[in-house]
Amino acid sequence: MADRRVLEQVFGILGMEGVAFSPNADKTSMLVPYGSSGVYISIRDWGESTIVYLRATVLGEIERSDERTQTIFGILNEANKKSSFGKLYYDTEESQIILEYDLLGDHLDGSELMNALRVLTTMADELDERLSTEIGSGMKSKDLWDRETAASQGPDAGPVVNA
């Protein structure tokens, strides 16, 4: 079981920094929306330590083809070579491009978490449009969330309004 203290510390840091976030139902992780993307933050055990795991889906529902996969691998390799922080990869099983950043949570510093969050939110928001155009496929996270929200509200719920 992940260290609840670290999770509560993350909630506290985000609250003190005025960061809008939505915890999941059991409050074991949270979503920080940003532009056309967002970052999920969760806590995981790593041996005797705790990891604060930040993950952004840059693009989802990418149409699969061998040619497109090779293009994606080339683009992500170049992006990873230029990036000092975060790691990008293509999850072939889920047809998603993911951006991740891991922090040791045992002695988590607020500025460290906020820096990681800024890096991921900014990178994901900038990358989704460019990568969608370059690879010719994929949906931004916000578009996927909006579709899921509309589907879960049913046909009589009316239009989805984004504040």
N, C-alpha and C. Protein backbone atom coordinates (compact mmCIF):
# COMPACT_ATOMS: atom_id res chain seq x y z
N MET A 1 0.85 -1.19 0.00
CA MET A 1 0.00 0.00 0.00
C MET A 1 0.88 1.24 0.00
N ALA A 2 0.60 2.14 -0.89
CA ALA A 2 1.40 3.36 -1.01
C ALA A 2 1.26 4.21 0.25
N ASP A 3 2.29 4.97 0.53
CA ASP A 3 2.36 5.79 1.74
C ASP A 3 1.30 6.89 1.71
N ARG A 4 0.30 6.76 2.56
CA ARG A 4 -0.81 7.72 2.63
C ARG A 4 -0.30 9.12 3.01
N ARG A 5 0.75 9.18 3.84
CA ARG A 5 1.32 10.45 4.25
C ARG A 5 1.81 11.25 3.04
N VAL A 6 2.46 10.56 2.10
CA VAL A 6 2.97 11.24 0.90
C VAL A 6 1.80 11.73 0.06
N LEU A 7 0.76 10.93 -0.07
CA LEU A 7 -0.42 11.34 -0.82
C LEU A 7 -1.05 12.59 -0.20
N GLU A 8 -1.19 12.59 1.10
CA GLU A 8 -1.76 13.76 1.78
C GLU A 8 -0.85 14.98 1.63
N GLN A 9 0.45 14.75 1.60
CA GLN A 9 1.40 15.85 1.38
C GLN A 9 1.20 16.44 -0.01
N VAL A 10 1.01 15.59 -1.00
CA VAL A 10 0.77 16.07 -2.37
C VAL A 10 -0.51 16.90 -2.42
N PHE A 11 -1.59 16.39 -1.81
CA PHE A 11 -2.84 17.16 -1.74
C PHE A 11 -2.59 18.53 -1.10
N GLY A 12 -1.83 18.54 0.00
CA GLY A 12 -1.54 19.79 0.71
C GLY A 12 -0.73 20.77 -0.12
N ILE A 13 0.28 20.28 -0.82
CA ILE A 13 1.11 21.15 -1.67
C ILE A 13 0.27 21.77 -2.76
N LEU A 14 -0.53 20.95 -3.43
CA LEU A 14 -1.38 21.47 -4.51
C LEU A 14 -2.36 22.51 -3.97
N GLY A 15 -2.94 22.24 -2.81
CA GLY A 15 -3.87 23.18 -2.20
C GLY A 15 -3.20 24.49 -1.84
N MET A 16 -2.02 24.42 -1.23
CA MET A 16 -1.30 25.65 -0.85
C MET A 16 -0.87 26.46 -2.07
N GLU A 17 -0.59 25.79 -3.17
CA GLU A 17 -0.17 26.46 -4.40
C GLU A 17 -1.36 26.95 -5.23
N GLY A 18 -2.58 26.63 -4.80
CA GLY A 18 -3.77 27.06 -5.53
C GLY A 18 -3.99 26.32 -6.84
N VAL A 19 -3.50 25.09 -6.92
CA VAL A 19 -3.63 24.29 -8.13
C VAL A 19 -4.97 23.56 -8.10
N ALA A 20 -5.76 23.74 -9.15
CA ALA A 20 -7.04 23.03 -9.27
C ALA A 20 -6.76 21.57 -9.59
N PHE A 21 -7.42 20.67 -8.88
CA PHE A 21 -7.26 19.25 -9.15
C PHE A 21 -8.53 18.51 -8.76
N SER A 22 -8.70 17.33 -9.34
CA SER A 22 -9.85 16.48 -9.04
C SER A 22 -9.35 15.14 -8.54
N PRO A 23 -9.60 14.82 -7.27
CA PRO A 23 -9.19 13.50 -6.78
C PRO A 23 -10.12 12.42 -7.34
N ASN A 24 -9.58 11.20 -7.48
CA ASN A 24 -10.45 10.11 -7.91
C ASN A 24 -11.35 9.72 -6.74
N ALA A 25 -12.28 8.80 -6.96
CA ALA A 25 -13.30 8.46 -5.97
C ALA A 25 -12.71 8.01 -4.63
N ASP A 26 -11.65 7.20 -4.66
CA ASP A 26 -11.08 6.73 -3.39
C ASP A 26 -9.92 7.59 -2.90
N LYS A 27 -9.71 8.72 -3.57
CA LYS A 27 -8.69 9.71 -3.18
C LYS A 27 -7.29 9.11 -3.10
N THR A 28 -6.98 8.23 -4.05
CA THR A 28 -5.63 7.66 -4.12
C THR A 28 -4.81 8.29 -5.23
N SER A 29 -5.45 9.10 -6.06
CA SER A 29 -4.75 9.83 -7.11
C SER A 29 -5.59 11.05 -7.47
N MET A 30 -5.04 11.90 -8.32
CA MET A 30 -5.75 13.11 -8.71
C MET A 30 -5.39 13.51 -10.13
N LEU A 31 -6.26 14.28 -10.75
CA LEU A 31 -6.04 14.84 -12.07
C LEU A 31 -5.87 16.34 -11.94
N VAL A 32 -4.81 16.86 -12.55
CA VAL A 32 -4.58 18.29 -12.64
C VAL A 32 -4.76 18.67 -14.10
N PRO A 33 -5.93 19.24 -14.47
CA PRO A 33 -6.16 19.62 -15.87
C PRO A 33 -5.35 20.86 -16.24
N TYR A 34 -4.92 20.92 -17.49
CA TYR A 34 -4.17 22.08 -17.97
C TYR A 34 -4.32 22.17 -19.48
N GLY A 35 -4.92 23.23 -19.96
CA GLY A 35 -5.09 23.42 -21.41
C GLY A 35 -5.81 22.24 -22.02
N SER A 36 -5.21 21.68 -23.06
CA SER A 36 -5.83 20.55 -23.75
C SER A 36 -5.35 19.21 -23.19
N SER A 37 -4.64 19.27 -22.07
CA SER A 37 -4.11 18.06 -21.48
C SER A 37 -4.31 18.08 -19.97
N GLY A 38 -3.62 17.24 -19.28
CA GLY A 38 -3.69 17.18 -17.83
C GLY A 38 -2.75 16.12 -17.32
N VAL A 39 -2.46 16.19 -16.03
CA VAL A 39 -1.52 15.26 -15.42
C VAL A 39 -2.22 14.51 -14.29
N TYR A 40 -2.08 13.20 -14.31
CA TYR A 40 -2.54 12.36 -13.20
C TYR A 40 -1.37 12.19 -12.24
N ILE A 41 -1.63 12.37 -10.97
CA ILE A 41 -0.61 12.18 -9.94
C ILE A 41 -1.07 11.04 -9.04
N SER A 42 -0.20 10.07 -8.85
CA SER A 42 -0.51 8.97 -7.95
C SER A 42 0.75 8.62 -7.16
N ILE A 43 0.56 7.81 -6.16
CA ILE A 43 1.64 7.40 -5.27
C ILE A 43 1.82 5.89 -5.40
N ARG A 44 3.08 5.45 -5.49
CA ARG A 44 3.36 4.03 -5.63
C ARG A 44 4.50 3.63 -4.70
N ASP A 45 4.44 2.39 -4.26
CA ASP A 45 5.56 1.83 -3.51
C ASP A 45 6.68 1.50 -4.48
N TRP A 46 7.90 1.66 -4.01
CA TRP A 46 9.09 1.28 -4.78
C TRP A 46 10.09 0.72 -3.78
N GLY A 47 10.00 -0.56 -3.54
CA GLY A 47 10.81 -1.17 -2.50
C GLY A 47 10.43 -0.58 -1.15
N GLU A 48 11.41 -0.05 -0.44
CA GLU A 48 11.17 0.58 0.85
C GLU A 48 10.79 2.06 0.70
N SER A 49 10.80 2.56 -0.51
CA SER A 49 10.53 3.98 -0.76
C SER A 49 9.17 4.17 -1.41
N THR A 50 8.82 5.43 -1.58
CA THR A 50 7.56 5.81 -2.22
C THR A 50 7.88 6.69 -3.42
N ILE A 51 7.19 6.44 -4.52
CA ILE A 51 7.35 7.24 -5.74
C ILE A 51 6.10 8.08 -5.95
N VAL A 52 6.31 9.36 -6.28
CA VAL A 52 5.22 10.22 -6.74
C VAL A 52 5.28 10.14 -8.26
N TYR A 53 4.24 9.59 -8.83
CA TYR A 53 4.20 9.25 -10.25
C TYR A 53 3.28 10.23 -10.97
N LEU A 54 3.85 11.02 -11.88
CA LEU A 54 3.08 11.98 -12.67
C LEU A 54 3.00 11.45 -14.10
N ARG A 55 1.79 11.45 -14.66
CA ARG A 55 1.57 10.85 -15.99
C ARG A 55 0.56 11.67 -16.78
N ALA A 56 0.93 12.02 -17.99
CA ALA A 56 0.03 12.74 -18.89
C ALA A 56 -0.14 11.93 -20.17
N THR A 57 -1.39 11.73 -20.58
CA THR A 57 -1.65 11.15 -21.89
C THR A 57 -1.61 12.30 -22.88
N VAL A 58 -0.61 12.32 -23.73
CA VAL A 58 -0.46 13.40 -24.70
C VAL A 58 -1.48 13.21 -25.82
N LEU A 59 -1.55 12.01 -26.35
CA LEU A 59 -2.54 11.66 -27.38
C LEU A 59 -3.07 10.26 -27.10
N GLY A 60 -4.34 10.07 -27.35
CA GLY A 60 -4.96 8.75 -27.22
C GLY A 60 -5.64 8.38 -28.51
N GLU A 61 -6.05 7.13 -28.59
CA GLU A 61 -6.77 6.60 -29.76
C GLU A 61 -6.02 6.86 -31.07
N ILE A 62 -4.75 6.58 -31.06
CA ILE A 62 -3.93 6.73 -32.26
C ILE A 62 -4.19 5.53 -33.16
N GLU A 63 -4.51 5.81 -34.41
CA GLU A 63 -4.75 4.72 -35.36
C GLU A 63 -3.45 3.97 -35.59
N ARG A 64 -3.55 2.65 -35.55
CA ARG A 64 -2.35 1.82 -35.64
C ARG A 64 -2.02 1.46 -37.09
N SER A 65 -0.74 1.57 -37.39
CA SER A 65 -0.18 1.05 -38.63
C SER A 65 1.32 0.96 -38.42
N ASP A 66 1.97 0.05 -39.15
CA ASP A 66 3.42 -0.10 -39.00
C ASP A 66 4.15 1.18 -39.35
N GLU A 67 3.71 1.84 -40.42
CA GLU A 67 4.36 3.09 -40.84
C GLU A 67 4.20 4.17 -39.77
N ARG A 68 2.99 4.30 -39.24
CA ARG A 68 2.74 5.32 -38.21
C ARG A 68 3.56 5.01 -36.95
N THR A 69 3.63 3.74 -36.56
CA THR A 69 4.40 3.36 -35.38
C THR A 69 5.87 3.76 -35.53
N GLN A 70 6.44 3.51 -36.70
CA GLN A 70 7.84 3.89 -36.93
C GLN A 70 8.01 5.40 -36.88
N THR A 71 7.06 6.13 -37.42
CA THR A 71 7.10 7.60 -37.37
C THR A 71 7.04 8.06 -35.91
N ILE A 72 6.14 7.48 -35.13
CA ILE A 72 6.01 7.85 -33.72
C ILE A 72 7.31 7.58 -32.97
N PHE A 73 7.89 6.40 -33.17
CA PHE A 73 9.14 6.07 -32.47
C PHE A 73 10.24 7.08 -32.82
N GLY A 74 10.34 7.47 -34.07
CA GLY A 74 11.35 8.44 -34.48
C GLY A 74 11.13 9.81 -33.84
N ILE A 75 9.88 10.26 -33.84
CA ILE A 75 9.55 11.57 -33.25
C ILE A 75 9.82 11.57 -31.75
N LEU A 76 9.39 10.51 -31.07
CA LEU A 76 9.57 10.45 -29.62
C LEU A 76 11.04 10.30 -29.24
N ASN A 77 11.81 9.58 -30.05
CA ASN A 77 13.25 9.46 -29.79
C ASN A 77 13.91 10.83 -29.85
N GLU A 78 13.59 11.61 -30.86
CA GLU A 78 14.15 12.96 -30.98
C GLU A 78 13.71 13.84 -29.82
N ALA A 79 12.44 13.75 -29.44
CA ALA A 79 11.94 14.56 -28.33
C ALA A 79 12.63 14.17 -27.03
N ASN A 80 12.83 12.89 -26.79
CA ASN A 80 13.51 12.44 -25.57
C ASN A 80 14.97 12.87 -25.54
N LYS A 81 15.62 12.92 -26.70
CA LYS A 81 17.01 13.38 -26.75
C LYS A 81 17.12 14.84 -26.33
N LYS A 82 16.12 15.65 -26.64
CA LYS A 82 16.16 17.09 -26.37
C LYS A 82 15.61 17.45 -24.99
N SER A 83 14.88 16.56 -24.37
CA SER A 83 14.23 16.85 -23.10
C SER A 83 15.13 16.51 -21.92
N SER A 84 15.24 17.44 -20.99
CA SER A 84 16.00 17.18 -19.76
C SER A 84 15.15 16.50 -18.71
N PHE A 85 13.84 16.68 -18.80
CA PHE A 85 12.94 16.16 -17.78
C PHE A 85 11.80 15.41 -18.44
N GLY A 86 11.31 14.39 -17.79
CA GLY A 86 10.19 13.63 -18.30
C GLY A 86 10.64 12.61 -19.33
N LYS A 87 9.80 11.63 -19.54
CA LYS A 87 10.06 10.63 -20.57
C LYS A 87 8.80 10.43 -21.38
N LEU A 88 8.97 10.36 -22.67
CA LEU A 88 7.87 10.14 -23.61
C LEU A 88 7.96 8.73 -24.15
N TYR A 89 6.82 8.07 -24.28
CA TYR A 89 6.83 6.77 -24.93
C TYR A 89 5.48 6.51 -25.58
N TYR A 90 5.48 5.55 -26.48
CA TYR A 90 4.27 5.13 -27.17
C TYR A 90 3.82 3.81 -26.57
N ASP A 91 2.66 3.80 -25.95
CA ASP A 91 2.06 2.59 -25.40
C ASP A 91 1.28 1.95 -26.55
N THR A 92 1.90 0.94 -27.16
CA THR A 92 1.30 0.32 -28.35
C THR A 92 0.02 -0.43 -28.02
N GLU A 93 -0.08 -0.98 -26.80
CA GLU A 93 -1.29 -1.72 -26.43
C GLU A 93 -2.49 -0.79 -26.28
N GLU A 94 -2.27 0.39 -25.73
CA GLU A 94 -3.36 1.35 -25.51
C GLU A 94 -3.48 2.38 -26.62
N SER A 95 -2.55 2.37 -27.58
CA SER A 95 -2.50 3.36 -28.66
C SER A 95 -2.48 4.79 -28.11
N GLN A 96 -1.55 5.02 -27.18
CA GLN A 96 -1.42 6.32 -26.54
C GLN A 96 0.04 6.76 -26.50
N ILE A 97 0.25 8.06 -26.57
CA ILE A 97 1.56 8.63 -26.30
C ILE A 97 1.49 9.19 -24.89
N ILE A 98 2.44 8.75 -24.06
CA ILE A 98 2.46 9.07 -22.64
C ILE A 98 3.70 9.90 -22.30
N LEU A 99 3.53 10.83 -21.39
CA LEU A 99 4.62 11.63 -20.84
C LEU A 99 4.63 11.39 -19.34
N GLU A 100 5.78 10.96 -18.80
CA GLU A 100 5.86 10.63 -17.37
C GLU A 100 7.03 11.35 -16.70
N TYR A 101 6.88 11.46 -15.38
CA TYR A 101 7.91 12.07 -14.54
C TYR A 101 7.76 11.43 -13.17
N ASP A 102 8.84 10.87 -12.63
CA ASP A 102 8.79 10.21 -11.33
C ASP A 102 9.63 10.98 -10.32
N LEU A 103 9.11 11.09 -9.09
CA LEU A 103 9.82 11.75 -8.00
C LEU A 103 9.88 10.81 -6.81
N LEU A 104 10.98 10.84 -6.08
CA LEU A 104 11.03 10.13 -4.81
C LEU A 104 10.15 10.89 -3.83
N GLY A 105 9.26 10.19 -3.16
CA GLY A 105 8.28 10.84 -2.31
C GLY A 105 8.61 10.89 -0.84
N ASP A 106 9.61 10.13 -0.40
CA ASP A 106 9.89 10.05 1.03
C ASP A 106 10.26 11.39 1.66
N HIS A 107 10.92 12.24 0.91
CA HIS A 107 11.31 13.57 1.39
C HIS A 107 10.89 14.61 0.36
N LEU A 108 9.65 14.51 -0.09
CA LEU A 108 9.15 15.35 -1.17
C LEU A 108 9.17 16.83 -0.78
N ASP A 109 9.66 17.63 -1.68
CA ASP A 109 9.73 19.07 -1.51
C ASP A 109 8.65 19.70 -2.39
N GLY A 110 7.95 20.70 -1.88
CA GLY A 110 6.88 21.35 -2.64
C GLY A 110 7.35 21.93 -3.95
N SER A 111 8.51 22.57 -3.96
CA SER A 111 9.01 23.17 -5.21
C SER A 111 9.38 22.10 -6.23
N GLU A 112 9.84 20.95 -5.74
CA GLU A 112 10.17 19.84 -6.63
C GLU A 112 8.91 19.31 -7.32
N LEU A 113 7.84 19.12 -6.56
CA LEU A 113 6.58 18.66 -7.13
C LEU A 113 6.03 19.68 -8.11
N MET A 114 6.04 20.95 -7.73
CA MET A 114 5.49 21.99 -8.61
C MET A 114 6.29 22.12 -9.89
N ASN A 115 7.61 21.98 -9.82
CA ASN A 115 8.43 22.02 -11.03
C ASN A 115 8.08 20.86 -11.96
N ALA A 116 7.98 19.66 -11.40
CA ALA A 116 7.62 18.49 -12.21
C ALA A 116 6.25 18.67 -12.85
N LEU A 117 5.31 19.19 -12.08
CA LEU A 117 3.95 19.41 -12.59
C LEU A 117 3.96 20.44 -13.71
N ARG A 118 4.70 21.54 -13.54
CA ARG A 118 4.79 22.56 -14.60
C ARG A 118 5.41 21.99 -15.87
N VAL A 119 6.47 21.23 -15.71
CA VAL A 119 7.14 20.62 -16.87
C VAL A 119 6.15 19.75 -17.63
N LEU A 120 5.47 18.86 -16.93
CA LEU A 120 4.56 17.93 -17.61
C LEU A 120 3.35 18.63 -18.22
N THR A 121 2.72 19.53 -17.48
CA THR A 121 1.53 20.18 -18.03
C THR A 121 1.89 21.00 -19.27
N THR A 122 2.99 21.72 -19.19
CA THR A 122 3.40 22.56 -20.32
C THR A 122 3.80 21.71 -21.52
N MET A 123 4.62 20.67 -21.28
CA MET A 123 5.05 19.81 -22.38
C MET A 123 3.88 19.11 -23.04
N ALA A 124 3.00 18.52 -22.24
CA ALA A 124 1.86 17.78 -22.80
C ALA A 124 0.96 18.70 -23.61
N ASP A 125 0.71 19.90 -23.08
CA ASP A 125 -0.16 20.86 -23.77
C ASP A 125 0.46 21.33 -25.08
N GLU A 126 1.77 21.46 -25.11
CA GLU A 126 2.45 21.89 -26.34
C GLU A 126 2.59 20.75 -27.34
N LEU A 127 2.83 19.54 -26.85
CA LEU A 127 3.10 18.41 -27.73
C LEU A 127 1.87 17.84 -28.43
N ASP A 128 0.71 17.88 -27.79
CA ASP A 128 -0.43 17.16 -28.35
C ASP A 128 -0.81 17.65 -29.75
N GLU A 129 -0.85 18.94 -29.94
CA GLU A 129 -1.21 19.48 -31.27
C GLU A 129 -0.15 19.13 -32.31
N ARG A 130 1.11 19.36 -31.95
CA ARG A 130 2.21 19.10 -32.90
C ARG A 130 2.28 17.63 -33.27
N LEU A 131 2.20 16.74 -32.27
CA LEU A 131 2.30 15.31 -32.57
C LEU A 131 1.11 14.80 -33.35
N SER A 132 -0.07 15.30 -33.04
CA SER A 132 -1.26 14.90 -33.78
C SER A 132 -1.10 15.23 -35.26
N THR A 133 -0.56 16.40 -35.53
CA THR A 133 -0.34 16.82 -36.92
C THR A 133 0.76 15.99 -37.57
N GLU A 134 1.87 15.79 -36.87
CA GLU A 134 3.00 15.06 -37.44
C GLU A 134 2.70 13.59 -37.72
N ILE A 135 1.92 12.96 -36.85
CA ILE A 135 1.64 11.53 -37.07
C ILE A 135 0.31 11.29 -37.76
N GLY A 136 -0.51 12.33 -37.85
CA GLY A 136 -1.76 12.21 -38.59
C GLY A 136 -2.85 11.44 -37.88
N SER A 137 -2.78 11.36 -36.55
CA SER A 137 -3.79 10.62 -35.80
C SER A 137 -3.69 10.99 -34.33
N GLY A 138 -4.74 10.65 -33.58
CA GLY A 138 -4.72 10.82 -32.13
C GLY A 138 -5.67 11.89 -31.65
N MET A 139 -6.17 11.68 -30.44
CA MET A 139 -7.07 12.65 -29.79
C MET A 139 -6.39 13.21 -28.55
N LYS A 140 -6.57 14.51 -28.33
CA LYS A 140 -6.04 15.16 -27.13
C LYS A 140 -6.80 14.66 -25.91
N SER A 141 -6.15 14.71 -24.77
CA SER A 141 -6.77 14.25 -23.51
C SER A 141 -8.08 14.95 -23.24
N LYS A 142 -8.11 16.26 -23.39
CA LYS A 142 -9.33 17.02 -23.09
C LYS A 142 -10.49 16.56 -23.97
N ASP A 143 -10.22 16.28 -25.24
CA ASP A 143 -11.27 15.80 -26.13
C ASP A 143 -11.79 14.43 -25.68
N LEU A 144 -10.88 13.58 -25.23
CA LEU A 144 -11.29 12.26 -24.72
C LEU A 144 -12.13 12.41 -23.45
N TRP A 145 -11.71 13.30 -22.52
CA TRP A 145 -12.48 13.52 -21.29
C TRP A 145 -13.85 14.08 -21.59
N ASP A 146 -13.91 15.07 -22.50
CA ASP A 146 -15.20 15.67 -22.84
C ASP A 146 -16.16 14.63 -23.41
N ARG A 147 -15.64 13.75 -24.25
CA ARG A 147 -16.47 12.70 -24.83
C ARG A 147 -16.96 11.73 -23.75
N GLU A 148 -16.06 11.35 -22.83
CA GLU A 148 -16.44 10.45 -21.75
C GLU A 148 -17.49 11.09 -20.84
N THR A 149 -17.32 12.39 -20.55
CA THR A 149 -18.27 13.10 -19.70
C THR A 149 -19.64 13.14 -20.36
N ALA A 150 -19.66 13.45 -21.65
CA ALA A 150 -20.93 13.52 -22.37
C ALA A 150 -21.60 12.14 -22.40
N ALA A 151 -20.82 11.09 -22.59
CA ALA A 151 -21.38 9.74 -22.65
C ALA A 151 -21.92 9.32 -21.28
N SER A 152 -21.22 9.70 -20.21
CA SER A 152 -21.66 9.28 -18.88
C SER A 152 -22.89 10.06 -18.40
N GLN A 153 -23.12 11.24 -18.97
CA GLN A 153 -24.28 12.03 -18.59
C GLN A 153 -25.53 11.62 -19.35
N GLY A 154 -25.38 10.88 -20.42
CA GLY A 154 -26.53 10.40 -21.17
C GLY A 154 -27.10 11.44 -22.11
N PRO A 155 -28.04 11.04 -22.96
CA PRO A 155 -28.58 11.92 -24.01
C PRO A 155 -29.44 13.05 -23.45
N ASP A 156 -29.99 12.91 -22.25
CA ASP A 156 -30.86 13.96 -21.70
C ASP A 156 -30.13 14.96 -20.83
N ALA A 157 -28.82 14.85 -20.73
CA ALA A 157 -28.05 15.68 -19.80
C ALA A 157 -27.82 17.09 -20.35
N GLY A 158 -28.02 17.30 -21.62
CA GLY A 158 -27.77 18.61 -22.21
C GLY A 158 -26.31 18.77 -22.59
N PRO A 159 -25.94 19.95 -23.08
CA PRO A 159 -24.56 20.15 -23.56
C PRO A 159 -23.56 20.17 -22.40
N VAL A 160 -22.34 19.76 -22.72
CA VAL A 160 -21.25 19.83 -21.74
C VAL A 160 -20.67 21.23 -21.80
N VAL A 161 -20.57 21.87 -20.67
CA VAL A 161 -20.03 23.23 -20.60
C VAL A 161 -18.70 23.18 -19.91
N ASN A 162 -17.67 23.70 -20.55
CA ASN A 162 -16.34 23.76 -19.97
C ASN A 162 -16.09 25.14 -19.45
N ALA A 163 -15.81 25.24 -18.16
CA ALA A 163 -15.56 26.55 -17.54
C ALA A 163 -14.18 27.04 -17.89
